[in-house]
PDB file of N, CA and C in Angstrom:
ATOM      1  N   UNK A   1      60.148 -20.054 -86.541  1.00  0.00           N
ATOM      2  CA  UNK A   1      60.131 -21.380 -85.330  1.00  0.00           C
ATOM      3  C   UNK A   1      58.794 -22.407 -85.711  1.00  0.00           C
ATOM      4  N   UNK A   2      58.673 -23.363 -85.915  1.00  0.00           N
ATOM      5  CA  UNK A   2      57.758 -24.560 -85.662  1.00  0.00           C
ATOM      6  C   UNK A   2      56.665 -24.496 -84.412  1.00  0.00           C
ATOM      7  N   UNK A   3      55.248 -24.285 -84.844  1.00  0.00           N
ATOM      8  CA  UNK A   3      54.576 -24.317 -84.003  1.00  0.00           C
ATOM      9  C   UNK A   3      54.579 -25.452 -82.720  1.00  0.00           C
ATOM     10  N   UNK A   4      54.018 -25.790 -81.915  1.00  0.00           N
ATOM     11  CA  UNK A   4      54.230 -27.025 -80.992  1.00  0.00           C
ATOM     12  C   UNK A   4      52.148 -27.209 -80.855  1.00  0.00           C
ATOM     13  N   UNK A   5      52.046 -28.102 -81.053  1.00  0.00           N
ATOM     14  CA  UNK A   5      50.583 -28.779 -80.687  1.00  0.00           C
ATOM     15  C   UNK A   5      50.029 -28.101 -79.736  1.00  0.00           C
ATOM     16  N   UNK A   6      50.130 -27.251 -79.069  1.00  0.00           N
ATOM     17  CA  UNK A   6      49.336 -26.792 -77.695  1.00  0.00           C
ATOM     18  C   UNK A   6      49.269 -25.250 -78.360  1.00  0.00           C
ATOM     19  N   UNK A   7      49.297 -24.980 -79.901  1.00  0.00           N
ATOM     20  CA  UNK A   7      49.627 -23.469 -80.178  1.00  0.00           C
ATOM     21  C   UNK A   7      47.825 -23.074 -80.331  1.00  0.00           C
ATOM     22  N   UNK A   8      47.334 -21.773 -80.116  1.00  0.00           N
ATOM     23  CA  UNK A   8      46.093 -21.472 -80.155  1.00  0.00           C
ATOM     24  C   UNK A   8      45.910 -20.793 -81.200  1.00  0.00           C
ATOM     25  N   UNK A   9      44.742 -20.134 -81.730  1.00  0.00           N
ATOM     26  CA  UNK A   9      44.390 -19.471 -82.679  1.00  0.00           C
ATOM     27  C   UNK A   9      43.794 -18.417 -82.337  1.00  0.00           C
ATOM     28  N   UNK A  10      43.486 -17.591 -81.961  1.00  0.00           N
ATOM     29  CA  UNK A  10      43.489 -16.352 -81.704  1.00  0.00           C
ATOM     30  C   UNK A  10      42.782 -15.518 -82.540  1.00  0.00           C
ATOM     31  N   UNK A  11      41.116 -15.125 -82.738  1.00  0.00           N
ATOM     32  CA  UNK A  11      41.154 -14.181 -83.433  1.00  0.00           C
ATOM     33  C   UNK A  11      40.182 -13.554 -82.865  1.00  0.00           C
ATOM     34  N   UNK A  12      39.070 -12.976 -83.155  1.00  0.00           N
ATOM     35  CA  UNK A  12      37.835 -12.421 -82.342  1.00  0.00           C
ATOM     36  C   UNK A  12      36.620 -12.210 -83.722  1.00  0.00           C
ATOM     37  N   UNK A  13      35.056 -12.551 -83.060  1.00  0.00           N
ATOM     38  CA  UNK A  13      34.127 -12.574 -83.645  1.00  0.00           C
ATOM     39  C   UNK A  13      33.726 -10.751 -83.876  1.00  0.00           C
ATOM     40  N   UNK A  14      33.374 -10.706 -84.840  1.00  0.00           N
ATOM     41  CA  UNK A  14      32.579  -9.218 -85.126  1.00  0.00           C
ATOM     42  C   UNK A  14      31.300  -8.874 -85.552  1.00  0.00           C
ATOM     43  N   UNK A  15      30.633 -10.264 -85.842  1.00  0.00           N
ATOM     44  CA  UNK A  15      29.529 -10.203 -86.262  1.00  0.00           C
ATOM     45  C   UNK A  15      28.464 -10.981 -85.406  1.00  0.00           C
ATOM     46  N   UNK A  16      27.104 -10.959 -85.004  1.00  0.00           N
ATOM     47  CA  UNK A  16      26.068 -11.907 -84.768  1.00  0.00           C
ATOM     48  C   UNK A  16      25.280 -11.465 -85.726  1.00  0.00           C
ATOM     49  N   UNK A  17      25.161 -12.640 -85.755  1.00  0.00           N
ATOM     50  CA  UNK A  17      23.927 -12.361 -87.169  1.00  0.00           C
ATOM     51  C   UNK A  17      22.692 -13.859 -86.634  1.00  0.00           C
ATOM     52  N   UNK A  18      21.207 -13.028 -86.741  1.00  0.00           N
ATOM     53  CA  UNK A  18      20.406 -14.064 -86.720  1.00  0.00           C
ATOM     54  C   UNK A  18      19.157 -13.671 -87.017  1.00  0.00           C
ATOM     55  N   UNK A  19      18.092 -14.398 -87.431  1.00  0.00           N
ATOM     56  CA  UNK A  19      16.901 -14.403 -87.487  1.00  0.00           C
ATOM     57  C   UNK A  19      16.710 -15.422 -88.871  1.00  0.00           C
ATOM     58  N   UNK A  20      16.239 -15.024 -89.788  1.00  0.00           N
ATOM     59  CA  UNK A  20      15.612 -16.083 -90.846  1.00  0.00           C
ATOM     60  C   UNK A  20      16.526 -15.641 -92.289  1.00  0.00           C
ATOM     61  N   UNK A  21      17.059 -16.106 -93.739  1.00  0.00           N
ATOM     62  CA  UNK A  21      16.841 -15.673 -94.726  1.00  0.00           C
ATOM     63  C   UNK A  21      16.839 -16.525 -95.558  1.00  0.00           C
ATOM     64  N   UNK A  22      15.304 -16.567 -96.457  1.00  0.00           N
ATOM     65  CA  UNK A  22      14.619 -17.835 -96.994  1.00  0.00           C
ATOM     66  C   UNK A  22      13.819 -18.712 -96.317  1.00  0.00           C
ATOM     67  N   UNK A  23      13.489 -18.483 -95.291  1.00  0.00           N
ATOM     68  CA  UNK A  23      13.299 -19.686 -94.384  1.00  0.00           C
ATOM     69  C   UNK A  23      13.879 -20.311 -93.187  1.00  0.00           C
ATOM     70  N   UNK A  24      15.286 -19.850 -93.507  1.00  0.00           N
ATOM     71  CA  UNK A  24      16.339 -20.855 -92.993  1.00  0.00           C
ATOM     72  C   UNK A  24      17.032 -19.806 -91.974  1.00  0.00           C
ATOM     73  N   UNK A  25      16.783 -20.958 -90.601  1.00  0.00           N
ATOM     74  CA  UNK A  25      17.214 -19.903 -89.654  1.00  0.00           C
ATOM     75  C   UNK A  25      19.197 -19.911 -89.302  1.00  0.00           C
ATOM     76  N   UNK A  26      19.318 -18.773 -88.802  1.00  0.00           N
ATOM     77  CA  UNK A  26      20.469 -18.369 -88.478  1.00  0.00           C
ATOM     78  C   UNK A  26      20.972 -17.724 -87.554  1.00  0.00           C
ATOM     79  N   UNK A  27      21.904 -18.221 -86.645  1.00  0.00           N
ATOM     80  CA  UNK A  27      22.101 -17.676 -85.112  1.00  0.00           C
ATOM     81  C   UNK A  27      23.464 -17.906 -84.821  1.00  0.00           C
ATOM     82  N   UNK A  28      24.004 -17.477 -86.043  1.00  0.00           N
ATOM     83  CA  UNK A  28      25.761 -17.389 -85.388  1.00  0.00           C
ATOM     84  C   UNK A  28      26.328 -16.197 -85.198  1.00  0.00           C
ATOM     85  N   UNK A  29      27.701 -16.606 -84.577  1.00  0.00           N
ATOM     86  CA  UNK A  29      28.970 -15.543 -84.687  1.00  0.00           C
ATOM     87  C   UNK A  29      29.812 -15.721 -85.909  1.00  0.00           C
ATOM     88  N   UNK A  30      29.967 -14.393 -86.190  1.00  0.00           N
ATOM     89  CA  UNK A  30      31.206 -14.742 -87.798  1.00  0.00           C
ATOM     90  C   UNK A  30      32.384 -13.690 -87.744  1.00  0.00           C
ATOM     91  N   UNK A  31      33.419 -13.816 -88.164  1.00  0.00           N
ATOM     92  CA  UNK A  31      34.428 -13.121 -87.825  1.00  0.00           C
ATOM     93  C   UNK A  31      34.159 -12.103 -89.227  1.00  0.00           C
ATOM     94  N   UNK A  32      33.608 -12.910 -90.068  1.00  0.00           N
ATOM     95  CA  UNK A  32      33.609 -11.274 -90.887  1.00  0.00           C
ATOM     96  C   UNK A  32      32.587 -11.612 -91.687  1.00  0.00           C
ATOM     97  N   UNK A  33      32.086 -10.570 -92.538  1.00  0.00           N
ATOM     98  CA  UNK A  33      30.894 -11.116 -93.465  1.00  0.00           C
ATOM     99  C   UNK A  33      31.420 -11.951 -94.744  1.00  0.00           C
ATOM    100  N   UNK A  34      32.233 -12.086 -94.891  1.00  0.00           N
ATOM    101  CA  UNK A  34      32.591 -13.026 -95.739  1.00  0.00           C
ATOM    102  C   UNK A  34      32.537 -14.548 -95.656  1.00  0.00           C
ATOM    103  N   UNK A  35      32.295 -14.728 -94.223  1.00  0.00           N
ATOM    104  CA  UNK A  35      31.809 -16.067 -93.573  1.00  0.00           C
ATOM    105  C   UNK A  35      31.004 -16.602 -93.554  1.00  0.00           C
ATOM    106  N   UNK A  36      30.014 -15.287 -93.545  1.00  0.00           N
ATOM    107  CA  UNK A  36      28.489 -15.085 -93.781  1.00  0.00           C
ATOM    108  C   UNK A  36      28.223 -15.937 -95.196  1.00  0.00           C
ATOM    109  N   UNK A  37      28.553 -15.204 -96.128  1.00  0.00           N
ATOM    110  CA  UNK A  37      29.073 -15.720 -97.454  1.00  0.00           C
ATOM    111  C   UNK A  37      29.407 -17.002 -98.192  1.00  0.00           C
ATOM    112  N   UNK A  38      30.148 -17.537 -97.174  1.00  0.00           N
ATOM    113  CA  UNK A  38      30.223 -18.879 -97.409  1.00  0.00           C
ATOM    114  C   UNK A  38      28.999 -19.532 -97.199  1.00  0.00           C
ATOM    115  N   UNK A  39      28.150 -18.929 -96.260  1.00  0.00           N
ATOM    116  CA  UNK A  39      27.307 -20.349 -95.620  1.00  0.00           C
ATOM    117  C   UNK A  39      25.761 -19.628 -96.722  1.00  0.00           C
ATOM    118  N   UNK A  40      25.927 -18.574 -96.966  1.00  0.00           N
ATOM    119  CA  UNK A  40      24.564 -18.544 -97.615  1.00  0.00           C
ATOM    120  C   UNK A  40      24.412 -17.270 -99.031  1.00  0.00           C
ATOM    121  N   UNK A  41      25.636 -17.726 -99.361  1.00  0.00           N
ATOM    122  CA  UNK A  41      26.363 -16.631-100.882  1.00  0.00           C
ATOM    123  C   UNK A  41      25.782 -17.778-101.910  1.00  0.00           C
ATOM    124  N   UNK A  42      25.676 -16.947-102.962  1.00  0.00           N
ATOM    125  CA  UNK A  42      25.957 -17.334-104.198  1.00  0.00           C
ATOM    126  C   UNK A  42      24.448 -18.229-104.622  1.00  0.00           C
ATOM    127  N   UNK A  43      24.563 -19.063-105.014  1.00  0.00           N
ATOM    128  CA  UNK A  43      22.993 -19.869-105.190  1.00  0.00           C
ATOM    129  C   UNK A  43      22.776 -20.512-104.322  1.00  0.00           C
ATOM    130  N   UNK A  44      23.210 -20.521-103.138  1.00  0.00           N
ATOM    131  CA  UNK A  44      22.535 -21.093-101.846  1.00  0.00           C
ATOM    132  C   UNK A  44      21.188 -20.979-101.236  1.00  0.00           C
ATOM    133  N   UNK A  45      21.101 -19.718-101.279  1.00  0.00           N
ATOM    134  CA  UNK A  45      19.702 -18.992-101.407  1.00  0.00           C
ATOM    135  C   UNK A  45      18.863 -18.638-102.579  1.00  0.00           C
ATOM    136  N   UNK A  46      17.400 -18.124-102.486  1.00  0.00           N
ATOM    137  CA  UNK A  46      16.922 -17.290-103.672  1.00  0.00           C
ATOM    138  C   UNK A  46      17.744 -16.534-104.104  1.00  0.00           C
ATOM    139  N   UNK A  47      18.100 -15.112-102.934  1.00  0.00           N
ATOM    140  CA  UNK A  47      18.380 -14.252-103.128  1.00  0.00           C
ATOM    141  C   UNK A  47      19.723 -14.242-103.711  1.00  0.00           C
ATOM    142  N   UNK A  48      20.423 -14.925-104.123  1.00  0.00           N
ATOM    143  CA  UNK A  48      21.809 -15.227-104.359  1.00  0.00           C
ATOM    144  C   UNK A  48      23.068 -13.855-104.340  1.00  0.00           C
ATOM    145  N   UNK A  49      23.072 -14.464-103.013  1.00  0.00           N
ATOM    146  CA  UNK A  49      23.680 -13.087-102.503  1.00  0.00           C
ATOM    147  C   UNK A  49      25.372 -13.045-102.588  1.00  0.00           C
ATOM    148  N   UNK A  50      25.934 -11.728-102.994  1.00  0.00           N
ATOM    149  CA  UNK A  50      27.080 -11.632-103.149  1.00  0.00           C
ATOM    150  C   UNK A  50      27.380 -10.009-102.224  1.00  0.00           C
ATOM    151  N   UNK A  51      28.812  -9.832-102.204  1.00  0.00           N
ATOM    152  CA  UNK A  51      29.167  -8.657-101.549  1.00  0.00           C
ATOM    153  C   UNK A  51      28.620  -7.459-101.272  1.00  0.00           C
ATOM    154  N   UNK A  52      28.131  -7.053-102.743  1.00  0.00           N
ATOM    155  CA  UNK A  52      27.485  -5.680-102.831  1.00  0.00           C
ATOM    156  C   UNK A  52      26.221  -5.691-102.800  1.00  0.00           C
ATOM    157  N   UNK A  53      25.646  -6.851-102.584  1.00  0.00           N
ATOM    158  CA  UNK A  53      24.239  -6.863-102.403  1.00  0.00           C
ATOM    159  C   UNK A  53      23.974  -6.895-101.074  1.00  0.00           C
ATOM    160  N   UNK A  54      25.149  -7.923-100.315  1.00  0.00           N
ATOM    161  CA  UNK A  54      24.697  -8.245 -99.024  1.00  0.00           C
ATOM    162  C   UNK A  54      24.919  -6.639 -98.241  1.00  0.00           C
ATOM    163  N   UNK A  55      26.032  -5.994 -98.745  1.00  0.00           N
ATOM    164  CA  UNK A  55      26.090  -4.693 -98.158  1.00  0.00           C
ATOM    165  C   UNK A  55      25.163  -3.662 -98.276  1.00  0.00           C
ATOM    166  N   UNK A  56      24.554  -3.425 -99.558  1.00  0.00           N
ATOM    167  CA  UNK A  56      23.377  -2.824 -99.586  1.00  0.00           C
ATOM    168  C   UNK A  56      21.978  -3.286 -99.014  1.00  0.00           C
ATOM    169  N   UNK A  57      21.731  -4.546 -98.801  1.00  0.00           N
ATOM    170  CA  UNK A  57      20.405  -5.072 -97.634  1.00  0.00           C
ATOM    171  C   UNK A  57      21.002  -4.846 -96.196  1.00  0.00           C
ATOM    172  N   UNK A  58      21.956  -5.206 -95.755  1.00  0.00           N
ATOM    173  CA  UNK A  58      22.698  -4.618 -94.434  1.00  0.00           C
ATOM    174  C   UNK A  58      21.992  -3.468 -94.049  1.00  0.00           C
ATOM    175  N   UNK A  59      22.373  -2.436 -95.346  1.00  0.00           N
ATOM    176  CA  UNK A  59      22.562  -1.191 -95.101  1.00  0.00           C
ATOM    177  C   UNK A  59      20.970  -0.618 -95.115  1.00  0.00           C
ATOM    178  N   UNK A  60      20.228  -1.168 -96.100  1.00  0.00           N
ATOM    179  CA  UNK A  60      18.830  -0.788 -96.046  1.00  0.00           C
ATOM    180  C   UNK A  60      17.883  -1.359 -95.504  1.00  0.00           C
ATOM    181  N   UNK A  61      18.216  -2.468 -94.758  1.00  0.00           N
ATOM    182  CA  UNK A  61      17.103  -3.143 -94.080  1.00  0.00           C
ATOM    183  C   UNK A  61      17.780  -3.616 -92.525  1.00  0.00           C
ATOM    184  N   UNK A  62      16.247  -3.452 -91.463  1.00  0.00           N
ATOM    185  CA  UNK A  62      16.824  -3.814 -90.064  1.00  0.00           C
ATOM    186  C   UNK A  62      15.446  -5.172 -90.117  1.00  0.00           C
ATOM    187  N   UNK A  63      15.968  -6.097 -89.963  1.00  0.00           N
ATOM    188  CA  UNK A  63      14.943  -7.521 -90.423  1.00  0.00           C
ATOM    189  C   UNK A  63      14.697  -7.519 -91.406  1.00  0.00           C
ATOM    190  N   UNK A  64      13.335  -7.361 -91.253  1.00  0.00           N
ATOM    191  CA  UNK A  64      12.362  -7.147 -92.646  1.00  0.00           C
ATOM    192  C   UNK A  64      11.224  -6.186 -92.794  1.00  0.00           C
ATOM    193  N   UNK A  65      11.927  -5.446 -91.998  1.00  0.00           N
ATOM    194  CA  UNK A  65      11.542  -4.093 -92.237  1.00  0.00           C
ATOM    195  C   UNK A  65      12.992  -2.834 -92.877  1.00  0.00           C
ATOM    196  N   UNK A  66      12.246  -2.056 -93.854  1.00  0.00           N
ATOM    197  CA  UNK A  66      13.318  -0.976 -94.709  1.00  0.00           C
ATOM    198  C   UNK A  66      13.640   0.403 -93.406  1.00  0.00           C
ATOM    199  N   UNK A  67      14.356   0.190 -93.203  1.00  0.00           N
ATOM    200  CA  UNK A  67      15.075   1.769 -92.523  1.00  0.00           C
ATOM    201  C   UNK A  67      14.501   3.025 -93.194  1.00  0.00           C
ATOM    202  N   UNK A  68      13.559   3.895 -91.698  1.00  0.00           N
ATOM    203  CA  UNK A  68      13.271   5.154 -92.200  1.00  0.00           C
ATOM    204  C   UNK A  68      13.872   5.943 -93.560  1.00  0.00           C
ATOM    205  N   UNK A  69      14.937   5.886 -93.442  1.00  0.00           N
ATOM    206  CA  UNK A  69      15.809   6.871 -94.775  1.00  0.00           C
ATOM    207  C   UNK A  69      15.406   6.651 -95.843  1.00  0.00           C
ATOM    208  N   UNK A  70      15.359   5.590 -96.457  1.00  0.00           N
ATOM    209  CA  UNK A  70      15.130   4.581 -97.351  1.00  0.00           C
ATOM    210  C   UNK A  70      13.608   4.344 -97.675  1.00  0.00           C
ATOM    211  N   UNK A  71      12.721   4.282 -96.783  1.00  0.00           N
ATOM    212  CA  UNK A  71      11.052   4.510 -97.328  1.00  0.00           C
ATOM    213  C   UNK A  71      10.383   5.497 -98.127  1.00  0.00           C
ATOM    214  N   UNK A  72      11.453   6.860 -98.304  1.00  0.00           N
ATOM    215  CA  UNK A  72      10.749   7.497 -99.413  1.00  0.00           C
ATOM    216  C   UNK A  72      10.737   7.258-100.833  1.00  0.00           C
ATOM    217  N   UNK A  73      10.957   6.384-101.087  1.00  0.00           N
ATOM    218  CA  UNK A  73      11.078   6.025-102.451  1.00  0.00           C
ATOM    219  C   UNK A  73      10.646   4.661-102.375  1.00  0.00           C
ATOM    220  N   UNK A  74       9.042   4.015-102.958  1.00  0.00           N
ATOM    221  CA  UNK A  74       9.244   2.493-103.212  1.00  0.00           C
ATOM    222  C   UNK A  74      10.372   2.023-104.203  1.00  0.00           C
ATOM    223  N   UNK A  75      10.101   0.639-104.419  1.00  0.00           N
ATOM    224  CA  UNK A  75      11.106   0.178-105.069  1.00  0.00           C
ATOM    225  C   UNK A  75      10.475  -1.479-105.471  1.00  0.00           C
ATOM    226  N   UNK A  76      11.023  -1.663-106.566  1.00  0.00           N
ATOM    227  CA  UNK A  76       9.893  -2.881-106.739  1.00  0.00           C
ATOM    228  C   UNK A  76      10.192  -4.309-105.849  1.00  0.00           C
ATOM    229  N   UNK A  77      11.171  -4.520-105.499  1.00  0.00           N
ATOM    230  CA  UNK A  77      11.694  -5.671-104.749  1.00  0.00           C
ATOM    231  C   UNK A  77      11.653  -5.227-103.412  1.00  0.00           C
ATOM    232  N   UNK A  78      10.815  -4.207-102.939  1.00  0.00           N
ATOM    233  CA  UNK A  78      10.421  -4.117-101.648  1.00  0.00           C
ATOM    234  C   UNK A  78       9.860  -5.376-101.284  1.00  0.00           C
ATOM    235  N   UNK A  79       8.934  -5.936-101.429  1.00  0.00           N
ATOM    236  CA  UNK A  79       7.686  -6.835-101.303  1.00  0.00           C
ATOM    237  C   UNK A  79       8.783  -8.350-101.054  1.00  0.00           C
ATOM    238  N   UNK A  80       9.753  -8.336-101.866  1.00  0.00           N
ATOM    239  CA  UNK A  80      10.463  -9.310-102.241  1.00  0.00           C
ATOM    240  C   UNK A  80      11.429 -10.084-100.587  1.00  0.00           C
ATOM    241  N   UNK A  81      12.434  -8.526-100.836  1.00  0.00           N
ATOM    242  CA  UNK A  81      13.273  -8.702 -99.281  1.00  0.00           C
ATOM    243  C   UNK A  81      12.539  -8.929 -98.272  1.00  0.00           C
ATOM    244  N   UNK A  82      11.379  -8.275 -97.982  1.00  0.00           N
ATOM    245  CA  UNK A  82      10.808  -8.161 -96.874  1.00  0.00           C
ATOM    246  C   UNK A  82      10.209  -9.762 -96.657  1.00  0.00           C
ATOM    247  N   UNK A  83      10.200 -10.328 -97.311  1.00  0.00           N
ATOM    248  CA  UNK A  83       9.742 -11.385 -97.282  1.00  0.00           C
ATOM    249  C   UNK A  83      10.862 -12.605 -97.320  1.00  0.00           C
ATOM    250  N   UNK A  84      11.919 -12.666 -97.713  1.00  0.00           N
ATOM    251  CA  UNK A  84      13.097 -13.445 -97.790  1.00  0.00           C
ATOM    252  C   UNK A  84      13.976 -12.761 -96.599  1.00  0.00           C
ATOM    253  N   UNK A  85      14.114 -11.191 -96.606  1.00  0.00           N
ATOM    254  CA  UNK A  85      15.262 -11.145 -96.035  1.00  0.00           C
ATOM    255  C   UNK A  85      15.003 -10.406 -94.111  1.00  0.00           C
ATOM    256  N   UNK A  86      15.066 -11.434 -93.452  1.00  0.00           N
ATOM    257  CA  UNK A  86      14.622 -11.458 -91.751  1.00  0.00           C
ATOM    258  C   UNK A  86      16.314 -11.329 -90.695  1.00  0.00           C
ATOM    259  N   UNK A  87      16.930 -10.858 -91.286  1.00  0.00           N
ATOM    260  CA  UNK A  87      18.273 -10.977 -90.897  1.00  0.00           C
ATOM    261  C   UNK A  87      18.468  -9.593 -89.789  1.00  0.00           C
ATOM    262  N   UNK A  88      19.314  -9.573 -88.728  1.00  0.00           N
ATOM    263  CA  UNK A  88      19.911  -8.699 -88.150  1.00  0.00           C
ATOM    264  C   UNK A  88      21.223  -9.260 -87.840  1.00  0.00           C
ATOM    265  N   UNK A  89      21.963  -8.174 -88.034  1.00  0.00           N
ATOM    266  CA  UNK A  89      23.288  -8.162 -87.857  1.00  0.00           C
ATOM    267  C   UNK A  89      23.792  -7.503 -86.750  1.00  0.00           C
ATOM    268  N   UNK A  90      24.790  -7.734 -85.817  1.00  0.00           N
ATOM    269  CA  UNK A  90      24.963  -6.719 -84.515  1.00  0.00           C
ATOM    270  C   UNK A  90      26.270  -7.107 -84.776  1.00  0.00           C
ATOM    271  N   UNK A  91      27.209  -5.941 -84.276  1.00  0.00           N
ATOM    272  CA  UNK A  91      28.431  -5.559 -84.358  1.00  0.00           C
ATOM    273  C   UNK A  91      28.990  -5.986 -82.791  1.00  0.00           C
ATOM    274  N   UNK A  92      29.646  -7.180 -82.657  1.00  0.00           N
ATOM    275  CA  UNK A  92      30.059  -7.068 -81.836  1.00  0.00           C
ATOM    276  C   UNK A  92      31.735  -7.200 -81.783  1.00  0.00           C
ATOM    277  N   UNK A  93      32.445  -7.491 -80.198  1.00  0.00           N
ATOM    278  CA  UNK A  93      33.946  -7.415 -80.452  1.00  0.00           C
ATOM    279  C   UNK A  93      34.496  -8.758 -79.293  1.00  0.00           C
ATOM    280  N   UNK A  94      34.325 -10.492 -79.820  1.00  0.00           N
ATOM    281  CA  UNK A  94      34.180 -11.137 -78.624  1.00  0.00           C
ATOM    282  C   UNK A  94      34.856 -12.354 -78.755  1.00  0.00           C
ATOM    283  N   UNK A  95      36.188 -12.498 -78.310  1.00  0.00           N
ATOM    284  CA  UNK A  95      37.521 -13.214 -78.482  1.00  0.00           C
ATOM    285  C   UNK A  95      37.025 -14.431 -78.896  1.00  0.00           C
ATOM    286  N   UNK A  96      37.213 -15.384 -79.904  1.00  0.00           N
ATOM    287  CA  UNK A  96      37.700 -16.263 -80.200  1.00  0.00           C
ATOM    288  C   UNK A  96      38.875 -17.175 -79.897  1.00  0.00           C
ATOM    289  N   UNK A  97      38.793 -18.278 -79.406  1.00  0.00           N
ATOM    290  CA  UNK A  97      39.518 -19.025 -79.002  1.00  0.00           C
ATOM    291  C   UNK A  97      39.889 -20.710 -79.834  1.00  0.00           C
ATOM    292  N   UNK A  98      40.226 -20.760 -80.947  1.00  0.00           N
ATOM    293  CA  UNK A  98      40.362 -22.253 -81.330  1.00  0.00           C
ATOM    294  C   UNK A  98      41.704 -23.218 -81.280  1.00  0.00           C
ATOM    295  N   UNK A  99      41.576 -23.749 -80.769  1.00  0.00           N
ATOM    296  CA  UNK A  99      42.978 -25.100 -80.559  1.00  0.00           C
ATOM    297  C   UNK A  99      42.840 -25.790 -81.772  1.00  0.00           C
ATOM    298  N   UNK A 100      44.318 -25.306 -82.337  1.00  0.00           N
ATOM    299  CA  UNK A 100      44.639 -25.418 -83.599  1.00  0.00           C
ATOM    300  C   UNK A 100      45.732 -26.826 -83.430  1.00  0.00           C
ATOM    301  N   UNK A 101      45.664 -28.049 -83.765  1.00  0.00           N
ATOM    302  CA  UNK A 101      46.702 -28.823 -83.547  1.00  0.00           C
ATOM    303  C   UNK A 101      47.567 -28.960 -84.706  1.00  0.00           C
ATOM    304  N   UNK A 102      48.893 -28.812 -84.910  1.00  0.00           N
ATOM    305  CA  UNK A 102      49.610 -28.271 -86.327  1.00  0.00           C
ATOM    306  C   UNK A 102      50.497 -29.908 -86.250  1.00  0.00           C
ATOM    307  N   UNK A 103      50.913 -30.480 -86.664  1.00  0.00           N
ATOM    308  CA  UNK A 103      51.408 -31.970 -87.012  1.00  0.00           C
ATOM    309  C   UNK A 103      52.919 -31.269 -87.749  1.00  0.00           C
TER     310      UNK A 103
END
């Protein structure tokens, strides 16, 4: 059955991302982390983010501070990431309603 022009696309936001990444301000809601990578992934920033690097940074860093469980071992990249990565990921579940016009 074809959709009418009054149909709504419903989904939900799963992440609220705020802070700065390589000096660029971030304050946006995303449905998935892939959406975040569309905006800041690849060669769009100095960090060259991909899925695995984003997962590692999200797990190890809270803003520009390294999480306490990962502070036991100093790594060579700590100063680099502390300088460029000041991003907070907050899990949310907020409805998103977007009106889409189908022809």
